[in-house]
Every structure is written in C-alpha cells, then in structure tokens.
C-alpha cells in the first residue's frame, strides 16, 4: 500500500499538478475578478467561433439546397451524437477543458470552410464536401460543448472558492458586493446566464450579417462564408490567452489507474447508473427536435413557400438573429431571476414555448397564411425556449451532476444530438405522395410530411416538465442523504446543493 501511494505521489509530482482545491500543492491564487474576466474572454471567443458555425448551419438548406443542406446538417448531428459516446469525454479529460475547446473550435473552422468549397464545386462533389464538413462539424461541436461544460463547472468551483476567501478577508470585503452569493446554485445561475447571453449576442450579430451583406452590401455568398471562416480562425487562435485549468487531483489519479476505455465509456455508465439522468432526456430532446424542424423545414422551405416568398434567403439571417436576440435577452433576465422563481419554473416556461411553436404550425397549416407576424412568433418562441436550454438547463446539469462534470455534459450532447439527428432523418425520409394539410410541397416539387416532427415536439415538451420534476425529487433525496449515485471518480468533498 505504501509503495503504491508513493508511486502515485511521484507521478503526480512529475506532472507538476497545481490544484486550487489542494492546500498541499499551492499555486498563485486568482481573485474572483480575474476569474470572472477570464470567463468573459472565454465566453466571447466561444461565442464568435460558434456564431460563425451556426450562421452557416442556418443557411445550409437555404443556400446548398434542401437535399444537400439537410444531408449535411443531419450528418453533423449524427457525428455530434457519436462524439459524446466515442471520444469527447476522453478528449476533454486528456487534453483538459481549455485545450479541448481549442481543438473543437479549430475543427469548426474546417466545417465553415466546407461551405466555400461546396458552393464552388460541381453537384456530385458538392454533396461529398458538404457531408465531410458536417462530419467534422459534428465532432467539433461534441468536443466543444463537452469541454465547455467541464470548463464552466471548474470556473464555478474556483469562483466560489475565491469569492468565499475574499469575503473572509476584511480588507477585500469592502470591495465586494455585499449581496454577492457564494451558494453554488446562485453562482452557476449567474455565470450560466452570462455565458448564454454572450453566446447568443454573438449569434445575433453574425447571423444578421448575412442579411446585411446580401441586401445592402451586395456581397456574394462566397465572400460571406469567407468572412465567417476568418472570424472562426481568429477566435480559435485567440484561445491561447484563456486560462488553462490543470487536472484535479482525483482526475489525475483516475487517468493513472483507469484505462482510456473507462474514460470513453463514462457517458454511458453515468446514464445507466445515475437515476436522474434518464429523466433529463426529454428536456434536451425537445430542443433538438425543435431545432431540426427550424433548420430543415422553416429556414429551408417555409420562408420560400410562404407569403414572404424568400427564395433568395434574405430573411433567414433576420429571423435567425431574432431567435438569438430573444434568447440572449431572456438568458440575461433568467440569470438574475432564478433566485426568485427557481429554475424549474424557467424550464417549464421553455417547454411551453416549444409546445406552442409546434402547435401554431399544427393549426395554421396553409403556407399562404404564413406571414411576417407568424414567423416573428415562431422564431421568438424558439428563442425563448432556447434561452432556458442554454442557461437554466446547462446550469442544472452542473448542479445535478457535479461529481462527474465531463460525463454529464457528454450526456447533454448525446441527448440533444440524438434528437436532432432523428429530426433531420424524419425531414429527409418522411414523404407523401400528394400535397395535403400536413404534407407540404417543397420548392423542388417533393412532398414532405411535417406532422411527425410537430407531434414529437409537443409530446416531448410535456415529458420534459414531468421528467425534470422527477429528477429534482431524486436530487433532493441525494442532498438529504449525501449520497453520490455511484462510484465514478469525483471530488471526495463535493457537496450536493439544491
């Protein structure tokens, strides 16, 4: 036993671990303001890179054509899902959260570049390039979001520790907001709302850029995609200025004692062993179904065949930025409002927004009736729902699964990616023979059944609310008993806070 311990100690020293949670291995402390500024930088760079990619994603079906665009987006989400099961957790654990983010952002640059190549290539090569880009884009998204979840949780932990320490220091106390809470849930709410606001503000700016560039600057789509590529590269390179968290002591022990396969499969083991996780599936899935419906049908076809007749995709940027704008404003409001209404109320309202979005298409099913007012309502509801997904749901995952952050956010990716992939597959293969009330004729004369996705969105909206409150009940029981669901590597002193 002594020899084993000594061996592990030597290996830890060789790695030059500097853990802010370990008093025996000191490192220069960072103030709460430094931590906060670093998080702002990370959020801004992530937002810019992500905005470039999702702006292209919104335009995929509109500019590459419904067939190529839907196949590319479907491939992206399948790859996104697979990454959660087959490597994103391992990449994050081995490289670290900051470096995992940098890798994902770099791969996103290739996805954006595929749009430039695809619009210049012949039809056969265009499909191949687009699908390859979608494959890498999905892997990028899986790594990015898993790493972001881990980085977010680490930031919240360090911010809480630093803030608590400063509040004990009488000399620093006067400089701090006396109302600043050090409760874990309040910190995750604050930083989660801030991240979501910055993320979505970036989307508003860069999604709106395509409309301004086409309508007023008269730029070609090739130039527009080049601009997206440039900003994605710059933001990825600038990640070198973001603080790199070194592995926690327990994580390093895990790397030494467990095989890579253990780290890769932590996503599935967490899903099977933690009873709360399966009840969180509908909350992630409803956003996935709704997003695929918006991207494949509404952006790609509905705007073109509606009363707006947007055959040049001029309004895609406007409406997509409306979604991001509403989501950004609501994320900021929710970030400071959780303490008054609770995250459960916010997530319930988000599910109601997704339900209403689908219900409107269900009852107003004549494309000629889809006007400005209709689409403003649709994209605003999507934005409202997304605000709860990006803010409240992510911070709730950080609360519920604090003992295994990386695996938890990989499950987050898994659920959202699976539902989005299913949504795109339904969009491609749910066909009809003749146009009817719920069978819509696309611009290429093909006829597609949109009812299936509409019903799925509404069903999962209801299941989302039911599942969340069941997971909350289980979490309350764990808090009372201090019971970690099962033996995954975690911080031994981690407390569970409702």
Protein backbone atom coordinates (compact mmCIF):
# COMPACT_ATOMS: atom_id res chain seq x y z
CA UNK A 1 0.00 0.00 0.00
CA UNK A 2 2.81 2.38 0.89
CA UNK A 3 4.67 1.59 -2.34
CA UNK A 4 1.56 2.23 -4.42
CA UNK A 5 0.92 5.53 -2.71
CA UNK A 6 4.49 6.60 -3.16
CA UNK A 7 4.37 5.71 -6.85
CA UNK A 8 1.25 7.77 -7.38
CA UNK A 9 2.72 10.70 -5.46
CA UNK A 10 5.81 10.60 -7.68
CA UNK A 11 3.70 10.59 -10.82
CA UNK A 12 1.67 13.50 -9.56
CA UNK A 13 4.80 15.47 -8.84
CA UNK A 14 6.20 14.66 -12.27
CA UNK A 15 3.07 16.13 -13.83
CA UNK A 16 3.59 19.27 -11.72
CA UNK A 17 -0.01 19.37 -10.59
CA UNK A 18 -1.24 22.73 -9.33
CA UNK A 19 -4.74 22.23 -7.96
CA UNK A 20 -6.61 25.19 -6.42
CA UNK A 21 -8.54 22.73 -4.23
CA UNK A 22 -5.42 21.17 -2.69
CA UNK A 23 -3.70 23.03 0.14
CA UNK A 24 -0.66 20.76 -0.10
CA UNK A 25 0.11 21.83 -3.67
CA UNK A 26 -0.02 25.64 -3.62
CA UNK A 27 -0.31 27.79 -6.70
CA UNK A 28 -0.76 31.53 -7.15
CA UNK A 29 -4.35 32.36 -6.24
CA UNK A 30 -6.55 34.23 -8.68
CA UNK A 31 -9.02 36.79 -7.49
CA UNK A 32 -12.71 36.49 -8.22
CA UNK A 33 -12.40 39.42 -10.65
CA UNK A 34 -9.60 37.68 -12.56
CA UNK A 35 -11.66 34.51 -12.76
CA UNK A 36 -14.67 36.49 -13.92
CA UNK A 37 -12.66 38.36 -16.60
CA UNK A 38 -11.19 35.11 -17.87
CA UNK A 39 -14.68 33.64 -18.13
CA UNK A 40 -15.81 36.70 -20.11
CA UNK A 41 -12.90 36.20 -22.53
CA UNK A 42 -13.65 32.50 -22.94
CA UNK A 43 -17.35 33.21 -23.48
CA UNK A 44 -16.62 35.89 -26.10
CA UNK A 45 -14.22 33.72 -28.11
CA UNK A 46 -16.53 30.72 -27.88
CA UNK A 47 -19.46 32.90 -28.95
CA UNK A 48 -17.66 34.23 -32.04
CA UNK A 49 -16.49 30.82 -33.22
CA UNK A 50 -19.83 29.21 -32.51
CA UNK A 51 -21.72 32.07 -34.20
CA UNK A 52 -19.76 31.59 -37.43
CA UNK A 53 -20.61 27.89 -37.47
CA UNK A 54 -24.30 28.19 -36.59
CA UNK A 55 -24.75 31.04 -39.08
CA UNK A 56 -23.57 28.62 -41.75
CA UNK A 57 -25.76 25.88 -40.28
CA UNK A 58 -28.83 28.14 -40.54
CA UNK A 59 -28.03 28.76 -44.20
CA UNK A 60 -27.23 25.15 -45.11
CA UNK A 61 -30.61 24.11 -46.50
CA UNK A 62 -31.29 27.60 -47.87
CA UNK A 63 -28.00 28.04 -49.81
CA UNK A 64 -26.82 24.50 -50.52
CA UNK A 65 -30.32 23.29 -51.37
CA UNK A 66 -32.74 21.33 -49.20
CA UNK A 67 -31.28 17.98 -50.21
CA UNK A 68 -27.56 18.72 -49.72
CA UNK A 69 -28.17 21.06 -46.77
CA UNK A 70 -30.36 18.59 -44.90
CA UNK A 71 -27.91 15.74 -45.50
CA UNK A 72 -25.03 17.90 -44.28
CA UNK A 73 -26.90 19.04 -41.16
CA UNK A 74 -28.13 15.51 -40.46
CA UNK A 75 -24.56 14.18 -40.75
CA UNK A 76 -23.37 16.92 -38.42
CA UNK A 77 -25.84 15.95 -35.70
CA UNK A 78 -25.16 12.21 -36.10
CA UNK A 79 -21.44 12.91 -35.73
CA UNK A 80 -22.21 15.24 -32.82
CA UNK A 81 -24.09 12.43 -31.09
CA UNK A 82 -21.43 9.81 -31.80
CA UNK A 83 -18.72 12.05 -30.35
CA UNK A 84 -20.50 12.05 -26.99
CA UNK A 85 -20.30 8.25 -26.87
CA UNK A 86 -16.99 7.65 -28.60
CA UNK A 87 -14.49 10.21 -27.51
CA UNK A 88 -15.49 13.71 -26.43
CA UNK A 89 -15.19 12.82 -22.73
CA UNK A 90 -11.81 11.19 -23.30
CA UNK A 91 -10.53 14.16 -25.31
CA UNK A 92 -11.65 16.58 -22.61
CA UNK A 93 -10.13 14.54 -19.78
CA UNK A 94 -6.80 14.03 -21.56
CA UNK A 95 -6.33 17.47 -23.13
CA UNK A 96 -8.09 19.45 -20.43
CA UNK A 97 -11.13 21.66 -20.82
CA UNK A 98 -9.35 24.67 -22.37
CA UNK A 99 -7.40 22.64 -24.91
CA UNK A 100 -10.47 20.57 -25.73
CA UNK A 101 -12.28 23.80 -26.52
CA UNK A 102 -9.42 24.96 -28.74
CA UNK A 103 -9.44 21.67 -30.67
CA UNK A 104 -13.20 21.79 -31.21
CA UNK A 105 -13.06 25.40 -32.36
CA UNK A 106 -10.29 24.52 -34.83
CA UNK A 107 -12.37 21.71 -36.32
CA UNK A 108 -15.30 24.11 -36.61
CA UNK A 109 -13.12 26.20 -38.95
CA UNK A 110 -12.98 23.27 -41.37
CA UNK A 111 -16.77 22.94 -41.21
CA UNK A 112 -17.17 26.61 -42.16
CA UNK A 113 -14.60 26.21 -44.96
CA UNK A 114 -16.67 23.35 -46.42
CA UNK A 115 -19.40 25.85 -47.36
CA UNK A 116 -16.98 27.85 -49.51
CA UNK A 117 -15.77 24.71 -51.27
CA UNK A 118 -19.24 23.22 -51.62
CA UNK A 119 -20.82 26.22 -53.40
CA UNK A 120 -17.90 26.27 -55.86
CA UNK A 121 -17.86 22.52 -56.59
CA UNK A 122 -19.91 20.54 -59.08
CA UNK A 123 -23.09 18.91 -57.83
CA UNK A 124 -21.55 15.50 -57.12
CA UNK A 125 -18.51 16.88 -55.31
CA UNK A 126 -20.66 19.46 -53.55
CA UNK A 127 -22.56 16.73 -51.69
CA UNK A 128 -19.34 14.92 -50.71
CA UNK A 129 -17.67 18.11 -49.44
CA UNK A 130 -20.77 19.18 -47.54
CA UNK A 131 -21.19 15.80 -45.83
CA UNK A 132 -17.49 15.64 -44.92
CA UNK A 133 -17.76 19.14 -43.47
CA UNK A 134 -20.80 18.08 -41.49
CA UNK A 135 -18.93 15.06 -40.15
CA UNK A 136 -16.08 17.22 -38.82
CA UNK A 137 -18.51 19.91 -37.66
CA UNK A 138 -20.38 17.39 -35.53
CA UNK A 139 -17.16 16.12 -33.95
CA UNK A 140 -16.15 19.73 -33.30
CA UNK A 141 -19.47 20.53 -31.62
CA UNK A 142 -19.33 17.41 -29.45
CA UNK A 143 -15.83 18.19 -28.20
CA UNK A 144 -16.58 21.91 -27.76
CA UNK A 145 -19.75 21.52 -25.75
CA UNK A 146 -18.40 18.72 -23.56
CA UNK A 147 -15.28 20.79 -22.87
CA UNK A 148 -17.34 23.94 -22.30
CA UNK A 149 -19.47 22.17 -19.72
CA UNK A 150 -16.37 20.98 -17.89
CA UNK A 151 -14.73 24.42 -18.07
CA UNK A 152 -17.91 26.08 -16.86
CA UNK A 153 -18.14 23.77 -13.84
CA UNK A 154 -14.46 24.30 -12.98
CA UNK A 155 -14.88 28.07 -13.24
CA UNK A 156 -17.89 27.99 -10.94
CA UNK A 157 -15.94 25.98 -8.37
CA UNK A 158 -12.92 28.27 -8.44
CA UNK A 159 -15.06 31.40 -8.46
CA UNK A 160 -16.95 30.19 -5.39
CA UNK A 161 -13.73 29.33 -3.54
CA UNK A 162 -12.09 32.66 -4.41
CA UNK A 163 -15.19 34.68 -3.53
CA UNK A 164 -15.62 32.88 -0.22
CA UNK A 165 -11.98 33.51 0.64
CA UNK A 166 -12.23 37.20 -0.23
CA UNK A 167 -15.38 37.64 1.82
CA UNK A 168 -13.48 36.35 4.85
CA UNK A 169 -10.82 38.98 4.27
CA UNK A 170 -11.95 42.23 5.84
CA UNK A 171 -9.69 44.25 3.55
CA UNK A 172 -11.30 42.76 0.47
CA UNK A 173 -14.82 42.65 1.78
CA UNK A 174 -15.40 46.37 1.24
CA UNK A 175 -14.50 45.96 -2.42
CA UNK A 176 -17.04 43.21 -3.00
CA UNK A 177 -20.74 43.39 -3.47
CA UNK A 178 -22.17 42.56 -0.06
CA UNK A 179 -25.09 40.85 -1.75
CA UNK A 180 -22.89 38.53 -3.83
CA UNK A 181 -23.95 34.97 -3.05
CA UNK A 182 -21.49 32.13 -2.59
CA UNK A 183 -24.12 29.41 -2.93
CA UNK A 184 -23.15 27.02 -5.72
CA UNK A 185 -26.56 27.23 -7.35
CA UNK A 186 -26.51 31.05 -7.41
CA UNK A 187 -23.04 31.07 -8.97
CA UNK A 188 -23.95 28.56 -11.67
CA UNK A 189 -27.08 30.60 -12.39
CA UNK A 190 -25.15 33.87 -12.66
CA UNK A 191 -22.33 32.55 -14.83
CA UNK A 192 -24.68 30.32 -16.85
CA UNK A 193 -26.92 33.28 -17.67
CA UNK A 194 -23.90 35.42 -18.55
CA UNK A 195 -22.46 32.77 -20.86
CA UNK A 196 -25.77 32.24 -22.62
CA UNK A 197 -26.22 36.00 -23.12
CA UNK A 198 -22.76 36.44 -24.66
CA UNK A 199 -23.18 33.31 -26.77
CA UNK A 200 -26.47 34.47 -28.19
CA UNK A 201 -25.38 38.08 -28.66
CA UNK A 202 -22.65 36.79 -30.96
CA UNK A 203 -25.21 34.82 -32.91
CA UNK A 204 -27.42 37.89 -33.34
CA UNK A 205 -24.55 39.92 -34.79
CA UNK A 206 -23.19 37.31 -37.17
CA UNK A 207 -26.50 35.84 -38.29
CA UNK A 208 -27.74 39.32 -39.09
CA UNK A 209 -24.52 39.94 -41.01
CA UNK A 210 -25.61 37.66 -43.88
CA UNK A 211 -28.80 39.66 -44.44
CA UNK A 212 -26.98 43.00 -44.34
CA UNK A 213 -24.22 41.69 -46.61
CA UNK A 214 -26.64 40.42 -49.27
CA UNK A 215 -29.28 43.11 -49.09
CA UNK A 216 -27.19 46.27 -48.58
CA UNK A 217 -23.51 45.48 -49.23
CA UNK A 218 -24.29 43.34 -52.29
CA UNK A 219 -21.68 40.76 -51.31
CA UNK A 220 -21.67 37.29 -52.84
CA UNK A 221 -22.37 34.25 -50.68
CA UNK A 222 -18.79 33.11 -51.23
CA UNK A 223 -17.46 36.31 -49.64
CA UNK A 224 -19.92 35.98 -46.77
CA UNK A 225 -18.70 32.47 -45.99
CA UNK A 226 -15.08 33.67 -46.23
CA UNK A 227 -15.83 36.28 -43.55
CA UNK A 228 -17.31 33.56 -41.33
CA UNK A 229 -14.17 31.48 -41.86
CA UNK A 230 -11.86 34.36 -40.90
CA UNK A 231 -13.63 35.12 -37.61
CA UNK A 232 -13.76 31.43 -36.70
CA UNK A 233 -9.98 31.09 -37.23
CA UNK A 234 -9.16 34.26 -35.26
CA UNK A 235 -11.28 33.19 -32.28
CA UNK A 236 -9.76 29.69 -32.26
CA UNK A 237 -6.19 31.05 -32.29
CA UNK A 238 -7.00 33.55 -29.51
CA UNK A 239 -7.82 30.66 -27.15
CA UNK A 240 -4.14 30.69 -26.14
CA UNK A 241 -4.99 33.69 -23.96
CA UNK A 242 -7.61 31.77 -21.96
CA UNK A 243 -6.54 30.31 -18.61
CA UNK A 244 -5.86 26.58 -18.67
CA UNK A 245 -7.16 24.61 -15.69
CA UNK A 246 -4.81 21.84 -14.71
CA UNK A 247 -6.34 18.47 -13.91
CA UNK A 248 -7.79 17.98 -10.45
CA UNK A 249 -6.03 15.57 -8.15
CA UNK A 250 -8.76 12.93 -8.36
CA UNK A 251 -8.89 13.24 -12.14
CA UNK A 252 -5.16 12.58 -12.37
CA UNK A 253 -5.47 9.52 -10.15
CA UNK A 254 -8.23 8.36 -12.45
CA UNK A 255 -6.01 8.83 -15.53
CA UNK A 256 -3.28 6.75 -13.89
CA UNK A 257 -5.46 3.95 -12.51
CA UNK A 258 -8.10 3.62 -15.25
CA UNK A 259 -7.79 2.71 -18.89
CA UNK A 260 -8.75 5.06 -21.74
CA UNK A 261 -11.80 2.84 -22.29
CA UNK A 262 -13.07 3.71 -18.80
CA UNK A 263 -12.89 7.41 -19.63
CA UNK A 264 -14.51 6.93 -23.04
CA UNK A 265 -17.46 4.95 -21.63
CA UNK A 266 -18.13 7.23 -18.67
CA UNK A 267 -21.00 8.82 -20.62
CA UNK A 268 -22.90 5.56 -20.92
CA UNK A 269 -22.12 4.45 -17.38
CA UNK A 270 -23.37 7.73 -15.97
CA UNK A 271 -26.60 7.39 -17.96
CA UNK A 272 -27.20 3.86 -16.73
CA UNK A 273 -26.21 4.32 -13.08
CA UNK A 274 -27.47 7.78 -12.13
CA UNK A 275 -31.26 7.64 -11.90
CA UNK A 276 -31.63 11.38 -12.51
CA UNK A 277 -30.00 11.31 -15.91
CA UNK A 278 -32.71 9.47 -17.84
CA UNK A 279 -35.31 11.96 -16.64
CA UNK A 280 -33.29 14.80 -18.18
CA UNK A 281 -33.51 13.28 -21.67
CA UNK A 282 -36.80 14.97 -22.74
CA UNK A 283 -35.53 18.45 -21.77
CA UNK A 284 -32.55 18.06 -24.09
CA UNK A 285 -34.52 16.22 -26.79
CA UNK A 286 -37.30 18.77 -27.20
CA UNK A 287 -34.78 21.45 -28.16
CA UNK A 288 -33.13 19.03 -30.58
CA UNK A 289 -36.41 18.22 -32.33
CA UNK A 290 -37.39 21.88 -32.47
CA UNK A 291 -34.00 22.96 -33.83
CA UNK A 292 -34.02 20.38 -36.61
CA UNK A 293 -37.55 21.45 -37.53
CA UNK A 294 -36.49 25.11 -37.75
CA UNK A 295 -33.25 24.42 -39.64
CA UNK A 296 -34.52 21.89 -42.17
CA UNK A 297 -38.11 22.98 -42.78
CA UNK A 298 -38.67 26.56 -41.63
CA UNK A 299 -35.35 28.04 -42.81
CA UNK A 300 -35.01 25.77 -45.82
CA UNK A 301 -38.56 25.75 -47.21
CA UNK A 302 -41.25 27.51 -45.18
CA UNK A 303 -39.87 31.00 -45.79
CA UNK A 304 -39.67 30.31 -49.52
CA UNK A 305 -43.17 28.91 -49.99
CA UNK A 306 -44.85 31.31 -47.55
CA UNK A 307 -46.40 34.68 -48.26
CA UNK A 308 -42.89 36.16 -47.92
CA UNK A 309 -41.54 34.22 -50.96
CA UNK A 310 -37.97 34.45 -49.64
CA UNK A 311 -36.35 32.47 -52.47
CA UNK A 312 -33.01 34.30 -52.06
CA UNK A 313 -32.78 33.51 -48.33
CA UNK A 314 -32.54 37.19 -47.43
CA UNK A 315 -34.73 36.81 -44.34
CA UNK A 316 -33.02 33.72 -42.89
CA UNK A 317 -30.41 35.92 -41.20
CA UNK A 318 -33.03 38.33 -39.88
CA UNK A 319 -35.25 35.67 -38.33
CA UNK A 320 -32.33 33.58 -37.03
CA UNK A 321 -30.90 36.66 -35.33
CA UNK A 322 -34.36 37.33 -33.85
CA UNK A 323 -34.22 33.89 -32.24
CA UNK A 324 -30.75 34.58 -30.86
CA UNK A 325 -31.74 38.07 -29.72
CA UNK A 326 -34.79 36.90 -27.80
CA UNK A 327 -32.74 34.06 -26.31
CA UNK A 328 -29.97 36.46 -25.28
CA UNK A 329 -32.31 38.91 -23.57
CA UNK A 330 -34.22 36.17 -21.79
CA UNK A 331 -30.99 34.42 -20.73
CA UNK A 332 -29.84 37.59 -19.04
CA UNK A 333 -33.21 38.00 -17.33
CA UNK A 334 -33.32 34.37 -16.24
CA UNK A 335 -29.72 34.51 -14.99
CA UNK A 336 -30.71 37.06 -12.36
CA UNK A 337 -34.25 35.80 -11.86
CA UNK A 338 -33.61 32.18 -10.87
CA UNK A 339 -33.39 33.09 -7.18
CA UNK A 340 -36.94 34.49 -7.29
CA UNK A 341 -38.78 31.92 -9.42
CA UNK A 342 -36.46 28.90 -9.48
CA UNK A 343 -35.00 27.02 -12.41
CA UNK A 344 -37.95 24.63 -12.55
CA UNK A 345 -40.37 27.43 -13.45
CA UNK A 346 -37.99 28.71 -16.13
CA UNK A 347 -37.58 25.26 -17.71
CA UNK A 348 -41.35 24.73 -17.63
CA UNK A 349 -41.87 28.01 -19.49
CA UNK A 350 -39.27 26.96 -22.04
CA UNK A 351 -41.06 23.67 -22.67
CA UNK A 352 -44.32 25.58 -23.09
CA UNK A 353 -42.65 27.79 -25.71
CA UNK A 354 -41.54 24.75 -27.75
CA UNK A 355 -45.04 23.26 -27.46
CA UNK A 356 -46.66 26.49 -28.66
CA UNK A 357 -44.27 26.82 -31.61
CA UNK A 358 -45.24 23.40 -32.93
CA UNK A 359 -48.91 23.92 -32.13
CA UNK A 360 -49.01 27.07 -34.28
CA UNK A 361 -47.83 25.10 -37.31
CA UNK A 362 -50.34 22.41 -36.48
CA UNK A 363 -53.36 24.73 -36.54
CA UNK A 364 -52.13 27.23 -39.16
CA UNK A 365 -51.10 24.82 -41.89
CA UNK A 366 -51.66 26.84 -45.05
CA UNK A 367 -48.31 28.23 -46.30
CA UNK A 368 -50.07 31.25 -47.79
CA UNK A 369 -51.09 32.22 -44.24
CA UNK A 370 -47.50 32.27 -43.01
CA UNK A 371 -46.70 35.98 -42.96
CA UNK A 372 -44.34 38.29 -41.05
CA UNK A 373 -46.38 38.11 -37.85
CA UNK A 374 -46.48 34.32 -37.96
CA UNK A 375 -42.73 33.92 -38.43
CA UNK A 376 -41.90 36.55 -35.80
CA UNK A 377 -43.95 34.48 -33.33
CA UNK A 378 -42.28 31.22 -34.39
CA UNK A 379 -38.69 32.47 -34.17
CA UNK A 380 -39.37 34.36 -30.92
CA UNK A 381 -40.79 31.23 -29.28
CA UNK A 382 -37.74 29.27 -30.43
CA UNK A 383 -35.54 31.97 -28.87
CA UNK A 384 -37.46 31.88 -25.59
CA UNK A 385 -37.15 28.11 -25.41
CA UNK A 386 -33.51 28.20 -26.33
CA UNK A 387 -32.74 30.66 -23.53
CA UNK A 388 -33.93 28.10 -20.99
CA UNK A 389 -31.89 25.38 -22.71
CA UNK A 390 -28.61 27.33 -22.89
CA UNK A 391 -28.89 28.85 -19.42
CA UNK A 392 -31.12 27.07 -16.90
CA UNK A 393 -30.68 23.55 -18.25
CA UNK A 394 -26.89 23.74 -18.52
CA UNK A 395 -26.54 25.18 -15.04
CA UNK A 396 -28.91 22.49 -13.73
CA UNK A 397 -26.67 19.81 -15.20
CA UNK A 398 -23.76 21.43 -13.34
CA UNK A 399 -25.83 21.27 -10.12
CA UNK A 400 -27.20 17.74 -10.54
CA UNK A 401 -24.02 16.02 -11.72
CA UNK A 402 -21.23 17.99 -10.04
CA UNK A 403 -19.35 14.78 -9.18
CA UNK A 404 -18.81 13.89 -12.88
CA UNK A 405 -18.89 17.08 -14.92
CA UNK A 406 -17.40 15.83 -18.17
CA UNK A 407 -19.60 12.75 -18.39
CA UNK A 408 -22.68 14.80 -17.51
CA UNK A 409 -22.21 17.30 -20.32
CA UNK A 410 -21.35 14.49 -22.74
CA UNK A 411 -24.80 13.08 -21.96
CA UNK A 412 -26.19 16.55 -22.60
CA UNK A 413 -24.59 16.41 -26.06
CA UNK A 414 -25.81 12.83 -26.57
CA UNK A 415 -29.47 13.58 -25.89
CA UNK A 416 -29.58 16.78 -27.94
CA UNK A 417 -27.58 15.29 -30.80
CA UNK A 418 -29.68 12.12 -30.99
CA UNK A 419 -32.98 14.00 -31.13
CA UNK A 420 -31.62 16.48 -33.69
CA UNK A 421 -30.34 13.62 -35.86
CA UNK A 422 -33.73 11.90 -35.70
CA UNK A 423 -35.38 15.19 -36.62
CA UNK A 424 -33.24 15.61 -39.74
CA UNK A 425 -33.78 11.98 -40.75
CA UNK A 426 -37.54 12.47 -40.44
CA UNK A 427 -37.21 15.62 -42.53
CA UNK A 428 -35.47 13.68 -45.30
CA UNK A 429 -37.47 10.45 -45.36
CA UNK A 430 -40.99 11.38 -44.15
CA UNK A 431 -42.52 11.76 -47.61
CA UNK A 432 -46.05 11.92 -49.00
CA UNK A 433 -47.44 11.14 -52.44
CA UNK A 434 -49.66 14.19 -52.77
CA UNK A 435 -49.81 17.57 -51.03
CA UNK A 436 -52.37 17.79 -48.23
CA UNK A 437 -52.99 19.55 -44.94
CA UNK A 438 -49.79 18.25 -43.31
CA UNK A 439 -47.92 17.19 -46.44
CA UNK A 440 -46.09 20.23 -47.79
CA UNK A 441 -44.74 20.54 -51.32
CA UNK A 442 -41.16 21.84 -51.32
CA UNK A 443 -39.53 24.08 -53.90
CA UNK A 444 -38.03 21.03 -55.68
CA UNK A 445 -41.58 19.57 -56.02
CA UNK A 446 -41.00 16.81 -53.43
CA UNK A 447 -43.76 16.38 -50.83
CA UNK A 448 -42.85 16.02 -47.14
CA UNK A 449 -44.83 15.10 -44.04
CA UNK A 450 -44.25 17.74 -41.34
CA UNK A 451 -46.83 16.40 -38.88
CA UNK A 452 -44.49 13.77 -37.40
CA UNK A 453 -41.97 16.31 -36.13
CA UNK A 454 -44.68 18.68 -34.92
CA UNK A 455 -46.23 15.94 -32.78
CA UNK A 456 -42.83 14.83 -31.44
CA UNK A 457 -42.05 18.36 -30.29
CA UNK A 458 -45.34 18.66 -28.43
CA UNK A 459 -45.09 15.22 -26.79
CA UNK A 460 -41.54 15.79 -25.60
CA UNK A 461 -42.46 19.25 -24.29
CA UNK A 462 -44.87 17.58 -21.87
CA UNK A 463 -42.43 14.79 -20.99
CA UNK A 464 -39.72 17.39 -20.34
CA UNK A 465 -41.66 19.00 -17.49
CA UNK A 466 -42.60 15.67 -15.94
CA UNK A 467 -39.03 14.35 -16.19
CA UNK A 468 -37.47 17.45 -14.70
CA UNK A 469 -39.55 17.41 -11.54
CA UNK A 470 -38.88 13.71 -11.07
CA UNK A 471 -35.13 14.35 -11.37
CA UNK A 472 -35.44 17.22 -8.87
CA UNK A 473 -37.11 14.90 -6.37
CA UNK A 474 -34.27 12.39 -6.68
CA UNK A 475 -31.74 15.20 -6.30
CA UNK A 476 -33.43 16.35 -3.09
CA UNK A 477 -33.17 12.83 -1.70
CA UNK A 478 -29.46 12.73 -2.55
CA UNK A 479 -28.93 16.06 -0.83
CA UNK A 480 -30.56 14.80 2.34
CA UNK A 481 -28.57 11.56 2.43
CA UNK A 482 -25.32 12.99 0.95
CA UNK A 483 -25.45 10.01 -1.38
CA UNK A 484 -23.37 10.06 -4.58
CA UNK A 485 -25.29 7.86 -7.06
CA UNK A 486 -22.40 5.51 -7.86
CA UNK A 487 -18.65 5.17 -7.82
CA UNK A 488 -17.34 7.36 -10.60
CA UNK A 489 -14.21 9.41 -9.94
CA UNK A 490 -15.29 12.62 -8.21
CA UNK A 491 -14.18 15.15 -5.69
CA UNK A 492 -14.44 13.45 -2.30
CA UNK A 493 -15.52 16.64 -0.57
CA UNK A 494 -18.08 17.61 -3.20
CA UNK A 495 -21.39 18.63 -1.62
CA UNK A 496 -24.76 18.44 -3.29
CA UNK A 497 -26.71 21.68 -3.23
CA UNK A 498 -30.29 22.02 -4.42
